[in-house]
N, C-alpha and C. Protein backbone atom coordinates (compact mmCIF):
# COMPACT_ATOMS: atom_id res chain seq x y z
N MET A 1 -8.07 82.29 19.90
CA MET A 1 -6.85 82.61 20.50
C MET A 1 -5.96 83.58 19.56
N ILE A 2 -5.51 84.63 20.10
CA ILE A 2 -5.07 85.80 19.53
C ILE A 2 -3.45 85.63 20.01
N LEU A 3 -2.73 85.75 18.80
CA LEU A 3 -0.97 85.36 19.02
C LEU A 3 -0.28 86.67 18.88
N ARG A 4 0.59 86.72 19.62
CA ARG A 4 1.83 87.76 19.66
C ARG A 4 3.19 87.33 19.43
N LEU A 5 3.59 87.38 18.09
CA LEU A 5 4.91 87.03 17.48
C LEU A 5 6.34 87.60 18.46
N LEU A 6 6.89 86.39 18.92
CA LEU A 6 8.08 86.66 19.85
C LEU A 6 9.49 86.37 19.07
N GLY A 7 9.47 85.96 18.10
CA GLY A 7 10.62 85.62 17.04
C GLY A 7 10.65 84.42 16.42
N LYS A 8 11.52 84.67 15.36
CA LYS A 8 11.62 83.76 14.19
C LYS A 8 13.10 83.18 14.10
N GLY A 9 13.21 82.05 13.51
CA GLY A 9 14.64 81.60 13.46
C GLY A 9 14.76 80.22 12.69
N GLY A 10 15.95 80.03 12.03
CA GLY A 10 16.21 78.47 11.49
C GLY A 10 16.28 78.23 10.30
N SER A 11 15.49 79.07 9.47
CA SER A 11 15.63 78.92 8.11
C SER A 11 15.82 79.89 7.16
N GLY A 12 16.22 79.92 5.88
CA GLY A 12 16.57 80.49 4.96
C GLY A 12 15.34 81.43 4.37
N VAL A 13 13.88 80.94 4.48
CA VAL A 13 13.11 81.65 3.78
C VAL A 13 11.94 82.17 4.49
N GLY A 14 11.01 83.01 4.36
CA GLY A 14 10.15 83.89 5.04
C GLY A 14 9.45 83.12 6.06
N GLU A 15 8.73 81.92 5.85
CA GLU A 15 8.56 81.05 6.80
C GLU A 15 9.48 80.39 7.62
N CYS A 16 9.49 80.48 8.86
CA CYS A 16 10.44 80.06 9.64
C CYS A 16 9.65 79.36 10.77
N PRO A 17 10.58 78.50 11.79
CA PRO A 17 10.13 78.10 12.92
C PRO A 17 9.79 79.29 13.70
N SER A 18 8.75 79.39 14.52
CA SER A 18 8.46 80.66 15.44
C SER A 18 8.18 80.40 16.73
N LEU A 19 7.96 81.47 17.39
CA LEU A 19 7.58 81.37 18.86
C LEU A 19 6.73 82.22 19.06
N TYR A 20 5.29 81.85 19.72
CA TYR A 20 4.21 82.95 19.59
C TYR A 20 3.92 82.76 21.36
N VAL A 21 3.34 83.91 21.66
CA VAL A 21 2.68 84.15 23.02
C VAL A 21 1.05 84.08 22.94
N SER A 22 0.56 83.27 23.64
CA SER A 22 -1.09 83.54 23.20
C SER A 22 -1.71 84.34 24.45
N ASP A 23 -2.98 84.96 23.93
CA ASP A 23 -3.76 85.83 24.92
C ASP A 23 -4.22 85.27 26.04
N GLY A 24 -3.86 83.69 26.02
CA GLY A 24 -4.46 82.68 27.05
C GLY A 24 -3.34 82.35 27.88
N GLY A 25 -2.35 82.82 27.90
CA GLY A 25 -1.08 82.57 28.67
C GLY A 25 -0.30 81.35 28.25
N SER A 26 -0.42 80.92 26.97
CA SER A 26 0.53 79.56 26.43
C SER A 26 1.07 80.14 25.66
N TYR A 27 2.16 79.20 25.25
CA TYR A 27 3.27 79.38 24.09
C TYR A 27 2.61 78.51 22.79
N VAL A 28 2.65 79.23 21.51
CA VAL A 28 2.59 78.61 20.67
C VAL A 28 3.97 78.41 19.64
N VAL A 29 4.26 76.88 19.46
CA VAL A 29 5.57 76.66 18.88
C VAL A 29 5.27 76.39 17.27
N GLN A 30 5.56 76.89 16.35
CA GLN A 30 5.54 76.71 15.15
C GLN A 30 6.79 76.01 14.69
N GLY A 31 7.04 74.89 14.22
CA GLY A 31 8.18 73.99 13.72
C GLY A 31 8.15 73.14 12.74
N TRP A 32 8.87 72.37 12.48
CA TRP A 32 8.98 71.38 11.24
C TRP A 32 8.31 70.08 11.72
N GLN A 33 7.44 69.67 10.81
CA GLN A 33 6.46 68.69 10.98
C GLN A 33 7.40 67.45 11.01
N THR A 34 6.89 66.72 12.25
CA THR A 34 7.88 65.42 12.43
C THR A 34 6.80 64.21 11.95
N ALA A 35 7.21 63.16 12.22
CA ALA A 35 6.27 61.87 11.97
C ALA A 35 5.15 61.58 12.94
N GLN A 36 5.55 62.44 14.10
CA GLN A 36 4.67 62.02 15.18
C GLN A 36 3.76 63.11 15.23
N LEU A 37 2.30 62.96 15.34
CA LEU A 37 1.22 63.90 15.61
C LEU A 37 1.47 64.56 16.50
N GLY A 38 1.71 66.23 16.58
CA GLY A 38 1.71 66.80 17.92
C GLY A 38 3.13 66.88 18.28
N THR A 39 4.02 66.81 17.33
CA THR A 39 5.52 66.92 17.69
C THR A 39 5.84 67.78 16.55
N VAL A 40 6.90 68.77 16.76
CA VAL A 40 7.54 69.55 16.03
C VAL A 40 8.95 69.38 16.13
N GLU A 41 9.67 69.94 15.43
CA GLU A 41 11.19 70.23 15.55
C GLU A 41 11.75 71.77 15.45
N ILE A 42 12.38 72.26 16.15
CA ILE A 42 12.94 73.57 16.30
C ILE A 42 14.14 73.74 16.43
N PRO A 43 14.73 74.98 15.98
CA PRO A 43 16.06 75.13 16.32
C PRO A 43 16.23 75.52 17.80
N HIS A 44 17.53 75.34 18.16
CA HIS A 44 17.86 75.67 19.55
C HIS A 44 17.62 77.20 19.80
N LEU A 45 17.90 77.89 19.06
CA LEU A 45 17.96 79.51 19.05
C LEU A 45 16.50 80.07 19.08
N LEU A 46 15.53 79.36 18.83
CA LEU A 46 13.92 79.85 18.76
C LEU A 46 13.83 79.92 20.38
N LEU A 47 14.06 79.17 21.23
CA LEU A 47 13.85 79.33 22.71
C LEU A 47 14.47 80.46 23.56
N GLY A 48 15.11 81.16 22.81
CA GLY A 48 15.53 82.63 23.41
C GLY A 48 14.91 83.58 23.01
N PHE A 49 13.88 83.21 22.25
CA PHE A 49 12.63 84.46 22.41
C PHE A 49 11.44 84.19 23.30
N ALA A 50 11.81 83.35 24.32
CA ALA A 50 10.41 83.31 25.53
C ALA A 50 10.84 84.75 26.45
N GLU A 51 9.59 84.66 26.58
CA GLU A 51 9.37 86.16 27.54
C GLU A 51 10.30 85.82 28.91
N PRO A 52 10.67 87.08 29.65
CA PRO A 52 11.55 87.00 30.55
C PRO A 52 11.09 86.12 31.77
N ASP A 53 11.89 85.52 32.38
CA ASP A 53 11.63 84.66 33.71
C ASP A 53 10.23 83.68 33.20
N THR A 54 10.49 83.22 31.95
CA THR A 54 9.29 82.07 31.58
C THR A 54 10.42 81.12 30.81
N PHE A 55 9.33 79.92 30.51
CA PHE A 55 10.07 78.81 29.96
C PHE A 55 8.99 78.33 29.38
N VAL A 56 9.21 77.30 28.09
CA VAL A 56 8.41 76.59 27.30
C VAL A 56 8.12 75.23 28.17
N GLY A 57 6.90 75.06 28.73
CA GLY A 57 6.63 73.91 29.34
C GLY A 57 6.52 72.68 28.52
N ALA A 58 7.56 71.99 28.06
CA ALA A 58 7.20 70.93 27.23
C ALA A 58 8.62 70.33 27.68
N MET A 59 8.81 68.81 27.40
CA MET A 59 10.15 68.31 27.51
C MET A 59 10.55 68.36 26.24
N LEU A 60 11.73 68.80 26.02
CA LEU A 60 12.64 69.08 24.81
C LEU A 60 13.70 67.63 24.63
N THR A 61 13.68 67.12 23.53
CA THR A 61 14.49 66.37 23.05
C THR A 61 15.66 66.87 22.17
N ASP A 62 16.89 66.92 22.54
CA ASP A 62 18.13 67.21 21.64
C ASP A 62 18.19 66.24 20.61
N THR A 63 18.29 66.80 19.14
CA THR A 63 18.48 65.84 18.02
C THR A 63 19.78 65.57 17.88
N GLY A 64 20.76 66.29 18.53
CA GLY A 64 22.21 66.12 17.99
C GLY A 64 22.56 66.90 17.08
N ARG A 65 21.70 67.85 16.29
CA ARG A 65 21.84 68.41 15.18
C ARG A 65 21.78 69.79 15.19
N GLY A 66 21.40 70.34 16.42
CA GLY A 66 20.94 71.66 16.69
C GLY A 66 19.90 72.09 16.64
N THR A 67 18.84 71.15 17.12
CA THR A 67 17.59 71.32 17.01
C THR A 67 17.01 70.35 18.42
N PHE A 68 15.85 70.77 18.77
CA PHE A 68 15.01 69.98 19.70
C PHE A 68 13.85 69.54 19.21
N THR A 69 13.09 68.52 19.59
CA THR A 69 11.69 68.15 19.09
C THR A 69 11.03 67.92 20.45
N LEU A 70 9.72 68.68 20.39
CA LEU A 70 8.71 69.23 21.58
C LEU A 70 7.30 68.57 21.19
N SER A 71 6.82 68.29 22.18
CA SER A 71 5.32 67.84 21.80
C SER A 71 4.30 68.80 22.57
N GLY A 72 3.14 69.01 21.98
CA GLY A 72 1.90 69.65 22.70
C GLY A 72 0.83 69.55 22.14
N ARG A 73 -0.15 70.36 22.20
CA ARG A 73 -1.41 70.26 21.72
C ARG A 73 -1.43 70.66 20.15
N PRO A 74 -1.90 69.86 19.02
CA PRO A 74 -1.64 70.60 17.82
C PRO A 74 -2.76 71.85 17.70
N VAL A 75 -2.34 72.78 17.22
CA VAL A 75 -3.33 73.85 16.69
C VAL A 75 -3.63 73.45 15.58
N ALA A 76 -5.51 73.71 15.25
CA ALA A 76 -6.08 73.13 14.68
C ALA A 76 -6.97 74.18 14.26
N GLU A 77 -7.47 75.23 15.25
CA GLU A 77 -8.24 76.10 14.90
C GLU A 77 -8.03 77.15 14.01
N GLU A 78 -9.08 77.18 12.63
CA GLU A 78 -8.92 78.08 11.39
C GLU A 78 -8.41 79.21 11.73
N SER A 79 -9.04 80.15 12.86
CA SER A 79 -8.72 81.42 13.21
C SER A 79 -7.19 81.75 14.15
N THR A 80 -6.79 80.42 14.59
CA THR A 80 -5.32 80.59 14.97
C THR A 80 -4.58 80.34 13.75
N LEU A 81 -4.63 79.34 13.15
CA LEU A 81 -4.10 79.07 11.86
C LEU A 81 -3.73 80.09 10.90
N LYS A 82 -4.98 80.92 10.57
CA LYS A 82 -4.49 82.13 9.81
C LYS A 82 -3.61 83.37 10.41
N GLN A 83 -3.24 83.23 11.71
CA GLN A 83 -2.48 84.08 12.25
C GLN A 83 -0.86 83.72 11.91
N LEU A 84 -0.85 82.51 11.52
CA LEU A 84 0.76 82.03 11.26
C LEU A 84 1.07 82.01 9.88
N ASP A 85 2.29 82.06 9.73
CA ASP A 85 3.01 82.08 8.12
C ASP A 85 3.66 80.72 8.27
N MET A 86 3.16 79.55 7.89
CA MET A 86 3.54 78.26 7.78
C MET A 86 4.04 77.69 6.62
N ALA A 87 5.15 77.18 6.34
CA ALA A 87 5.52 76.52 4.95
C ALA A 87 4.67 74.93 5.15
N ALA A 88 4.76 74.53 3.86
CA ALA A 88 4.23 73.17 3.81
C ALA A 88 4.54 72.15 4.68
N ASP A 89 5.93 72.27 5.27
CA ASP A 89 6.51 71.14 6.04
C ASP A 89 6.46 71.64 7.50
N GLU A 90 5.76 72.69 8.10
CA GLU A 90 5.61 73.26 9.57
C GLU A 90 3.97 72.92 9.96
N ARG A 91 4.38 72.56 11.21
CA ARG A 91 2.80 72.58 12.00
C ARG A 91 3.39 73.52 13.05
N ALA A 92 2.04 73.55 13.95
CA ALA A 92 2.13 74.29 15.25
C ALA A 92 1.40 73.76 16.34
N ILE A 93 2.17 73.88 17.65
CA ILE A 93 1.65 73.08 18.83
C ILE A 93 1.37 74.16 19.89
N GLU A 94 0.71 73.69 20.79
CA GLU A 94 0.32 74.84 21.89
C GLU A 94 0.86 74.37 23.27
N VAL A 95 1.95 74.90 23.95
CA VAL A 95 2.51 74.30 24.94
C VAL A 95 2.17 75.21 26.37
N PRO A 96 2.15 74.81 27.49
CA PRO A 96 2.21 75.65 28.22
C PRO A 96 3.37 76.76 28.63
N LYS A 97 2.99 77.99 29.22
CA LYS A 97 4.11 79.16 29.37
C LYS A 97 4.29 78.87 30.98
N LEU A 98 5.25 78.51 31.34
CA LEU A 98 5.70 78.57 32.75
C LEU A 98 6.68 79.41 33.26
N GLY A 99 6.35 79.95 34.66
CA GLY A 99 7.22 80.60 35.52
C GLY A 99 8.46 80.16 35.77
N ARG A 100 9.72 80.67 35.94
CA ARG A 100 10.82 80.18 36.47
C ARG A 100 10.96 80.24 38.06
N ASN A 101 11.03 79.30 38.69
CA ASN A 101 11.33 79.42 40.17
C ASN A 101 12.89 79.48 40.41
N PHE A 102 13.18 80.21 41.05
CA PHE A 102 14.76 80.31 41.64
C PHE A 102 14.87 80.07 42.94
N CYS A 103 15.83 78.95 42.92
CA CYS A 103 15.79 77.92 43.93
C CYS A 103 17.28 78.14 44.54
N GLY A 104 17.65 77.85 45.73
CA GLY A 104 19.06 77.85 46.11
C GLY A 104 19.64 78.86 46.93
N ALA A 105 20.73 79.37 47.34
CA ALA A 105 21.43 80.00 48.34
C ALA A 105 21.21 81.46 47.66
N SER A 106 21.42 82.47 48.85
CA SER A 106 21.65 83.80 47.75
C SER A 106 23.15 83.87 47.86
N PRO A 107 23.59 84.82 46.62
CA PRO A 107 24.74 85.10 46.75
C PRO A 107 25.65 85.32 47.94
N ALA A 108 26.91 85.02 48.01
CA ALA A 108 27.74 85.34 49.27
C ALA A 108 27.68 86.87 48.86
N ARG A 109 28.06 87.26 50.07
CA ARG A 109 28.51 88.77 50.42
C ARG A 109 29.72 88.97 50.62
């Protein structure tokens, strides 16, 4: 899997929670490790780096302290992990990249 960095944020050190897009059409989310395998914690601001008209296709749980937790497939492939700059307390997960569907009435004219 080949990754392209979309953005970093939420940490004062070089390694930060990060959002990547893969060549397979998914997002790879690098975040802080949690007690649950396949679940990471990320700052709210990280989602602002998603590509236009797309969103991270995973349920987000607001922690109440400026972060979300979300779950996905743990990234374990060595070739993919080598593309990441992760701190010891970080992990990466792969989640779907979904397109936005706009519904509702057209604006009044």
